[in-house]
């Protein structure tokens, strides 16, 4: 069974929203509602890590943090 892709933001977020990563505090653009694929859609995170992140953080993390987490859990 394939690993799940990185979680996306809630569908109600506007595409122009600028966010602050709750993990590192850096600014980023959540592209979950953009016409093209979100930058995080190419990342693969294990389901257990996704569950942990959902429990720990209310919103999306920046691509840099998600990529770091993906590297350290594989």
PDB file of N, CA and C in Angstrom:
ATOM      1  N   UNK A   1       0.836  -1.176   0.000  1.00  0.00           N
ATOM      2  CA  UNK A   1       0.000   0.000   0.000  1.00  0.00           C
ATOM      3  C   UNK A   1       0.884   1.243   0.000  1.00  0.00           C
ATOM      4  N   UNK A   2       0.565   2.202  -0.837  1.00  0.00           N
ATOM      5  CA  UNK A   2       1.374   3.418  -0.969  1.00  0.00           C
ATOM      6  C   UNK A   2       1.173   4.324   0.241  1.00  0.00           C
ATOM      7  N   UNK A   3       2.215   5.091   0.549  1.00  0.00           N
ATOM      8  CA  UNK A   3       2.120   6.046   1.641  1.00  0.00           C
ATOM      9  C   UNK A   3       1.263   7.224   1.203  1.00  0.00           C
ATOM     10  N   UNK A   4       0.588   7.839   2.134  1.00  0.00           N
ATOM     11  CA  UNK A   4      -0.284   8.966   1.844  1.00  0.00           C
ATOM     12  C   UNK A   4       0.531  10.223   1.569  1.00  0.00           C
ATOM     13  N   UNK A   5      -0.029  11.107   0.783  1.00  0.00           N
ATOM     14  CA  UNK A   5       0.623  12.385   0.500  1.00  0.00           C
ATOM     15  C   UNK A   5       0.469  13.312   1.694  1.00  0.00           C
ATOM     16  N   UNK A   6       1.243  14.386   1.686  1.00  0.00           N
ATOM     17  CA  UNK A   6       1.201  15.364   2.763  1.00  0.00           C
ATOM     18  C   UNK A   6      -0.200  15.942   2.896  1.00  0.00           C
ATOM     19  N   UNK A   7      -0.610  16.229   4.126  1.00  0.00           N
ATOM     20  CA  UNK A   7      -1.955  16.781   4.331  1.00  0.00           C
ATOM     21  C   UNK A   7      -2.063  18.172   3.748  1.00  0.00           C
ATOM     22  N   UNK A   8      -3.262  18.525   3.306  1.00  0.00           N
ATOM     23  CA  UNK A   8      -3.521  19.851   2.758  1.00  0.00           C
ATOM     24  C   UNK A   8      -4.321  20.674   3.741  1.00  0.00           C
ATOM     25  N   UNK A   9      -4.348  21.968   3.487  1.00  0.00           N
ATOM     26  CA  UNK A   9      -5.119  22.877   4.323  1.00  0.00           C
ATOM     27  C   UNK A   9      -6.605  22.657   4.094  1.00  0.00           C
ATOM     28  N   UNK A  10      -7.389  23.219   4.965  1.00  0.00           N
ATOM     29  CA  UNK A  10      -8.843  23.128   4.833  1.00  0.00           C
ATOM     30  C   UNK A  10      -9.278  23.755   3.509  1.00  0.00           C
ATOM     31  N   UNK A  11     -10.240  23.163   2.815  1.00  0.00           N
ATOM     32  CA  UNK A  11     -10.670  23.678   1.525  1.00  0.00           C
ATOM     33  C   UNK A  11     -11.216  25.093   1.558  1.00  0.00           C
ATOM     34  N   UNK A  12     -11.589  25.614   2.703  1.00  0.00           N
ATOM     35  CA  UNK A  12     -12.165  26.946   2.771  1.00  0.00           C
ATOM     36  C   UNK A  12     -11.130  28.064   2.730  1.00  0.00           C
ATOM     37  N   UNK A  13      -9.832  27.745   2.747  1.00  0.00           N
ATOM     38  CA  UNK A  13      -8.815  28.787   2.721  1.00  0.00           C
ATOM     39  C   UNK A  13      -8.732  29.417   1.338  1.00  0.00           C
ATOM     40  N   UNK A  14      -8.690  30.745   1.245  1.00  0.00           N
ATOM     41  CA  UNK A  14      -8.539  31.387  -0.054  1.00  0.00           C
ATOM     42  C   UNK A  14      -7.143  31.167  -0.599  1.00  0.00           C
ATOM     43  N   UNK A  15      -6.993  31.157  -1.923  1.00  0.00           N
ATOM     44  CA  UNK A  15      -5.706  30.853  -2.533  1.00  0.00           C
ATOM     45  C   UNK A  15      -4.666  31.934  -2.279  1.00  0.00           C
ATOM     46  N   UNK A  16      -5.074  33.141  -1.923  1.00  0.00           N
ATOM     47  CA  UNK A  16      -4.125  34.223  -1.704  1.00  0.00           C
ATOM     48  C   UNK A  16      -3.631  34.293  -0.262  1.00  0.00           C
ATOM     49  N   UNK A  17      -4.033  33.376   0.567  1.00  0.00           N
ATOM     50  CA  UNK A  17      -3.687  33.404   1.977  1.00  0.00           C
ATOM     51  C   UNK A  17      -2.188  33.204   2.199  1.00  0.00           C
ATOM     52  N   UNK A  18      -1.615  34.060   2.997  1.00  0.00           N
ATOM     53  CA  UNK A  18      -0.234  33.899   3.417  1.00  0.00           C
ATOM     54  C   UNK A  18      -0.260  33.407   4.849  1.00  0.00           C
ATOM     55  N   UNK A  19       0.478  32.366   5.111  1.00  0.00           N
ATOM     56  CA  UNK A  19       0.456  31.731   6.421  1.00  0.00           C
ATOM     57  C   UNK A  19       1.807  31.840   7.105  1.00  0.00           C
ATOM     58  N   UNK A  20       1.802  31.510   8.380  1.00  0.00           N
ATOM     59  CA  UNK A  20       3.020  31.377   9.164  1.00  0.00           C
ATOM     60  C   UNK A  20       3.099  29.926   9.589  1.00  0.00           C
ATOM     61  N   UNK A  21       4.223  29.295   9.338  1.00  0.00           N
ATOM     62  CA  UNK A  21       4.404  27.890   9.690  1.00  0.00           C
ATOM     63  C   UNK A  21       4.415  27.757  11.214  1.00  0.00           C
ATOM     64  N   UNK A  22       3.541  26.917  11.769  1.00  0.00           N
ATOM     65  CA  UNK A  22       3.511  26.763  13.225  1.00  0.00           C
ATOM     66  C   UNK A  22       4.725  26.021  13.771  1.00  0.00           C
ATOM     67  N   UNK A  23       5.497  25.383  12.906  1.00  0.00           N
ATOM     68  CA  UNK A  23       6.683  24.636  13.364  1.00  0.00           C
ATOM     69  C   UNK A  23       7.916  25.527  13.428  1.00  0.00           C
ATOM     70  N   UNK A  24       8.177  26.298  12.355  1.00  0.00           N
ATOM     71  CA  UNK A  24       9.409  27.090  12.298  1.00  0.00           C
ATOM     72  C   UNK A  24       9.163  28.586  12.421  1.00  0.00           C
ATOM     73  N   UNK A  25       7.903  29.024  12.265  1.00  0.00           N
ATOM     74  CA  UNK A  25       7.577  30.442  12.364  1.00  0.00           C
ATOM     75  C   UNK A  25       7.790  31.219  11.077  1.00  0.00           C
ATOM     76  N   UNK A  26       8.261  30.553  10.030  1.00  0.00           N
ATOM     77  CA  UNK A  26       8.494  31.217   8.752  1.00  0.00           C
ATOM     78  C   UNK A  26       7.206  31.444   7.973  1.00  0.00           C
ATOM     79  N   UNK A  27       7.222  32.455   7.118  1.00  0.00           N
ATOM     80  CA  UNK A  27       6.069  32.735   6.279  1.00  0.00           C
ATOM     81  C   UNK A  27       6.071  31.859   5.038  1.00  0.00           C
ATOM     82  N   UNK A  28       4.882  31.526   4.548  1.00  0.00           N
ATOM     83  CA  UNK A  28       4.755  30.743   3.325  1.00  0.00           C
ATOM     84  C   UNK A  28       3.373  30.923   2.739  1.00  0.00           C
ATOM     85  N   UNK A  29       3.218  30.534   1.488  1.00  0.00           N
ATOM     86  CA  UNK A  29       1.923  30.575   0.815  1.00  0.00           C
ATOM     87  C   UNK A  29       1.373  29.159   0.738  1.00  0.00           C
ATOM     88  N   UNK A  30       0.215  28.953   1.332  1.00  0.00           N
ATOM     89  CA  UNK A  30      -0.449  27.656   1.230  1.00  0.00           C
ATOM     90  C   UNK A  30      -1.176  27.624  -0.104  1.00  0.00           C
ATOM     91  N   UNK A  31      -0.807  26.712  -0.965  1.00  0.00           N
ATOM     92  CA  UNK A  31      -1.394  26.640  -2.296  1.00  0.00           C
ATOM     93  C   UNK A  31      -2.453  25.573  -2.450  1.00  0.00           C
ATOM     94  N   UNK A  32      -3.048  25.125  -1.378  1.00  0.00           N
ATOM     95  CA  UNK A  32      -4.040  24.051  -1.449  1.00  0.00           C
ATOM     96  C   UNK A  32      -5.217  24.412  -2.346  1.00  0.00           C
ATOM     97  N   UNK A  33      -5.561  25.684  -2.431  1.00  0.00           N
ATOM     98  CA  UNK A  33      -6.692  26.094  -3.256  1.00  0.00           C
ATOM     99  C   UNK A  33      -6.275  26.798  -4.548  1.00  0.00           C
ATOM    100  N   UNK A  34      -5.001  26.790  -4.864  1.00  0.00           N
ATOM    101  CA  UNK A  34      -4.524  27.374  -6.110  1.00  0.00           C
ATOM    102  C   UNK A  34      -4.936  26.497  -7.284  1.00  0.00           C
ATOM    103  N   UNK A  35      -4.966  27.071  -8.499  1.00  0.00           N
ATOM    104  CA  UNK A  35      -5.357  26.277  -9.667  1.00  0.00           C
ATOM    105  C   UNK A  35      -4.412  25.098  -9.935  1.00  0.00           C
ATOM    106  N   UNK A  36      -3.139  25.259  -9.661  1.00  0.00           N
ATOM    107  CA  UNK A  36      -2.177  24.180  -9.869  1.00  0.00           C
ATOM    108  C   UNK A  36      -1.985  23.381  -8.601  1.00  0.00           C
ATOM    109  N   UNK A  37      -1.140  22.373  -8.668  1.00  0.00           N
ATOM    110  CA  UNK A  37      -0.891  21.553  -7.476  1.00  0.00           C
ATOM    111  C   UNK A  37      -0.186  22.348  -6.374  1.00  0.00           C
ATOM    112  N   UNK A  38      -0.536  22.057  -5.160  1.00  0.00           N
ATOM    113  CA  UNK A  38       0.115  22.648  -3.994  1.00  0.00           C
ATOM    114  C   UNK A  38       1.559  22.148  -3.958  1.00  0.00           C
ATOM    115  N   UNK A  39       2.472  22.988  -3.493  1.00  0.00           N
ATOM    116  CA  UNK A  39       3.883  22.605  -3.429  1.00  0.00           C
ATOM    117  C   UNK A  39       4.112  21.363  -2.574  1.00  0.00           C
ATOM    118  N   UNK A  40       3.283  21.146  -1.579  1.00  0.00           N
ATOM    119  CA  UNK A  40       3.480  19.990  -0.702  1.00  0.00           C
ATOM    120  C   UNK A  40       2.907  18.699  -1.295  1.00  0.00           C
ATOM    121  N   UNK A  41       2.171  18.791  -2.389  1.00  0.00           N
ATOM    122  CA  UNK A  41       1.527  17.596  -2.938  1.00  0.00           C
ATOM    123  C   UNK A  41       2.538  16.562  -3.457  1.00  0.00           C
ATOM    124  N   UNK A  42       3.761  16.972  -3.712  1.00  0.00           N
ATOM    125  CA  UNK A  42       4.779  16.039  -4.162  1.00  0.00           C
ATOM    126  C   UNK A  42       5.507  15.330  -3.033  1.00  0.00           C
ATOM    127  N   UNK A  43       5.231  15.729  -1.809  1.00  0.00           N
ATOM    128  CA  UNK A  43       5.886  15.112  -0.652  1.00  0.00           C
ATOM    129  C   UNK A  43       5.080  13.921  -0.154  1.00  0.00           C
ATOM    130  N   UNK A  44       5.785  12.911   0.309  1.00  0.00           N
ATOM    131  CA  UNK A  44       5.129  11.728   0.858  1.00  0.00           C
ATOM    132  C   UNK A  44       5.521  11.611   2.324  1.00  0.00           C
ATOM    133  N   UNK A  45       4.501  11.623   3.174  1.00  0.00           N
ATOM    134  CA  UNK A  45       4.714  11.470   4.610  1.00  0.00           C
ATOM    135  C   UNK A  45       4.001  10.214   5.075  1.00  0.00           C
ATOM    136  N   UNK A  46       4.639   9.417   5.918  1.00  0.00           N
ATOM    137  CA  UNK A  46       3.975   8.216   6.443  1.00  0.00           C
ATOM    138  C   UNK A  46       2.698   8.593   7.198  1.00  0.00           C
ATOM    139  N   UNK A  47       1.679   7.745   7.131  1.00  0.00           N
ATOM    140  CA  UNK A  47       0.411   8.031   7.822  1.00  0.00           C
ATOM    141  C   UNK A  47       0.580   8.335   9.310  1.00  0.00           C
ATOM    142  N   UNK A  48       1.476   7.665   9.985  1.00  0.00           N
ATOM    143  CA  UNK A  48       1.684   7.912  11.416  1.00  0.00           C
ATOM    144  C   UNK A  48       2.201   9.332  11.653  1.00  0.00           C
ATOM    145  N   UNK A  49       3.095   9.799  10.789  1.00  0.00           N
ATOM    146  CA  UNK A  49       3.613  11.159  10.908  1.00  0.00           C
ATOM    147  C   UNK A  49       2.511  12.165  10.607  1.00  0.00           C
ATOM    148  N   UNK A  50       1.696  11.893   9.601  1.00  0.00           N
ATOM    149  CA  UNK A  50       0.579  12.789   9.289  1.00  0.00           C
ATOM    150  C   UNK A  50      -0.351  12.924  10.492  1.00  0.00           C
ATOM    151  N   UNK A  51      -0.664  11.826  11.138  1.00  0.00           N
ATOM    152  CA  UNK A  51      -1.542  11.854  12.314  1.00  0.00           C
ATOM    153  C   UNK A  51      -0.898  12.664  13.444  1.00  0.00           C
ATOM    154  N   UNK A  52       0.389  12.478  13.641  1.00  0.00           N
ATOM    155  CA  UNK A  52       1.113  13.219  14.675  1.00  0.00           C
ATOM    156  C   UNK A  52       1.080  14.725  14.386  1.00  0.00           C
ATOM    157  N   UNK A  53       1.290  15.094  13.122  1.00  0.00           N
ATOM    158  CA  UNK A  53       1.284  16.507  12.752  1.00  0.00           C
ATOM    159  C   UNK A  53      -0.099  17.121  12.909  1.00  0.00           C
ATOM    160  N   UNK A  54      -1.131  16.378  12.532  1.00  0.00           N
ATOM    161  CA  UNK A  54      -2.506  16.880  12.691  1.00  0.00           C
ATOM    162  C   UNK A  54      -2.848  17.097  14.163  1.00  0.00           C
ATOM    163  N   UNK A  55      -2.335  16.232  15.037  1.00  0.00           N
ATOM    164  CA  UNK A  55      -2.598  16.364  16.473  1.00  0.00           C
ATOM    165  C   UNK A  55      -1.815  17.528  17.079  1.00  0.00           C
ATOM    166  N   UNK A  56      -0.641  17.796  16.533  1.00  0.00           N
ATOM    167  CA  UNK A  56       0.238  18.806  17.119  1.00  0.00           C
ATOM    168  C   UNK A  56      -0.003  20.207  16.564  1.00  0.00           C
ATOM    169  N   UNK A  57      -0.411  20.334  15.299  1.00  0.00           N
ATOM    170  CA  UNK A  57      -0.548  21.639  14.651  1.00  0.00           C
ATOM    171  C   UNK A  57      -1.947  21.818  14.082  1.00  0.00           C
ATOM    172  N   UNK A  58      -2.464  23.041  14.178  1.00  0.00           N
ATOM    173  CA  UNK A  58      -3.810  23.337  13.687  1.00  0.00           C
ATOM    174  C   UNK A  58      -3.845  23.569  12.180  1.00  0.00           C
ATOM    175  N   UNK A  59      -2.773  24.038  11.581  1.00  0.00           N
ATOM    176  CA  UNK A  59      -2.766  24.369  10.160  1.00  0.00           C
ATOM    177  C   UNK A  59      -1.640  23.693   9.414  1.00  0.00           C
ATOM    178  N   UNK A  60      -1.440  24.157   8.195  1.00  0.00           N
ATOM    179  CA  UNK A  60      -0.395  23.598   7.340  1.00  0.00           C
ATOM    180  C   UNK A  60       0.990  24.023   7.807  1.00  0.00           C
ATOM    181  N   UNK A  61       1.956  23.176   7.529  1.00  0.00           N
ATOM    182  CA  UNK A  61       3.355  23.505   7.742  1.00  0.00           C
ATOM    183  C   UNK A  61       3.948  23.928   6.406  1.00  0.00           C
ATOM    184  N   UNK A  62       5.032  24.690   6.433  1.00  0.00           N
ATOM    185  CA  UNK A  62       5.678  25.108   5.199  1.00  0.00           C
ATOM    186  C   UNK A  62       6.330  23.904   4.513  1.00  0.00           C
ATOM    187  N   UNK A  63       6.588  24.037   3.236  1.00  0.00           N
ATOM    188  CA  UNK A  63       7.174  22.952   2.461  1.00  0.00           C
ATOM    189  C   UNK A  63       8.553  22.579   3.003  1.00  0.00           C
ATOM    190  N   UNK A  64       9.309  23.557   3.459  1.00  0.00           N
ATOM    191  CA  UNK A  64      10.643  23.271   3.997  1.00  0.00           C
ATOM    192  C   UNK A  64      10.550  22.339   5.206  1.00  0.00           C
ATOM    193  N   UNK A  65       9.633  22.621   6.133  1.00  0.00           N
ATOM    194  CA  UNK A  65       9.460  21.759   7.306  1.00  0.00           C
ATOM    195  C   UNK A  65       8.940  20.385   6.911  1.00  0.00           C
ATOM    196  N   UNK A  66       7.955  20.355   6.003  1.00  0.00           N
ATOM    197  CA  UNK A  66       7.429  19.056   5.574  1.00  0.00           C
ATOM    198  C   UNK A  66       8.504  18.214   4.891  1.00  0.00           C
ATOM    199  N   UNK A  67       9.337  18.848   4.071  1.00  0.00           N
ATOM    200  CA  UNK A  67      10.417  18.106   3.401  1.00  0.00           C
ATOM    201  C   UNK A  67      11.430  17.583   4.415  1.00  0.00           C
ATOM    202  N   UNK A  68      11.756  18.390   5.411  1.00  0.00           N
ATOM    203  CA  UNK A  68      12.678  17.953   6.460  1.00  0.00           C
ATOM    204  C   UNK A  68      12.112  16.772   7.215  1.00  0.00           C
ATOM    205  N   UNK A  69      10.834  16.842   7.569  1.00  0.00           N
ATOM    206  CA  UNK A  69      10.194  15.737   8.275  1.00  0.00           C
ATOM    207  C   UNK A  69      10.128  14.480   7.407  1.00  0.00           C
ATOM    208  N   UNK A  70       9.866  14.648   6.126  1.00  0.00           N
ATOM    209  CA  UNK A  70       9.815  13.507   5.215  1.00  0.00           C
ATOM    210  C   UNK A  70      11.184  12.827   5.120  1.00  0.00           C
ATOM    211  N   UNK A  71      12.246  13.618   5.085  1.00  0.00           N
ATOM    212  CA  UNK A  71      13.610  13.059   5.014  1.00  0.00           C
ATOM    213  C   UNK A  71      13.986  12.316   6.283  1.00  0.00           C
ATOM    214  N   UNK A  72      13.591  12.844   7.417  1.00  0.00           N
ATOM    215  CA  UNK A  72      14.026  12.261   8.690  1.00  0.00           C
ATOM    216  C   UNK A  72      13.183  11.070   9.120  1.00  0.00           C
ATOM    217  N   UNK A  73      12.068  10.817   8.440  1.00  0.00           N
ATOM    218  CA  UNK A  73      11.214   9.679   8.826  1.00  0.00           C
ATOM    219  C   UNK A  73      11.274   8.538   7.848  1.00  0.00           C
ATOM    220  N   UNK A  74      12.066   8.669   6.803  1.00  0.00           N
ATOM    221  CA  UNK A  74      12.138   7.567   5.829  1.00  0.00           C
ATOM    222  C   UNK A  74      13.335   6.701   6.051  1.00  0.00           C
TER     223      UNK A  74
END
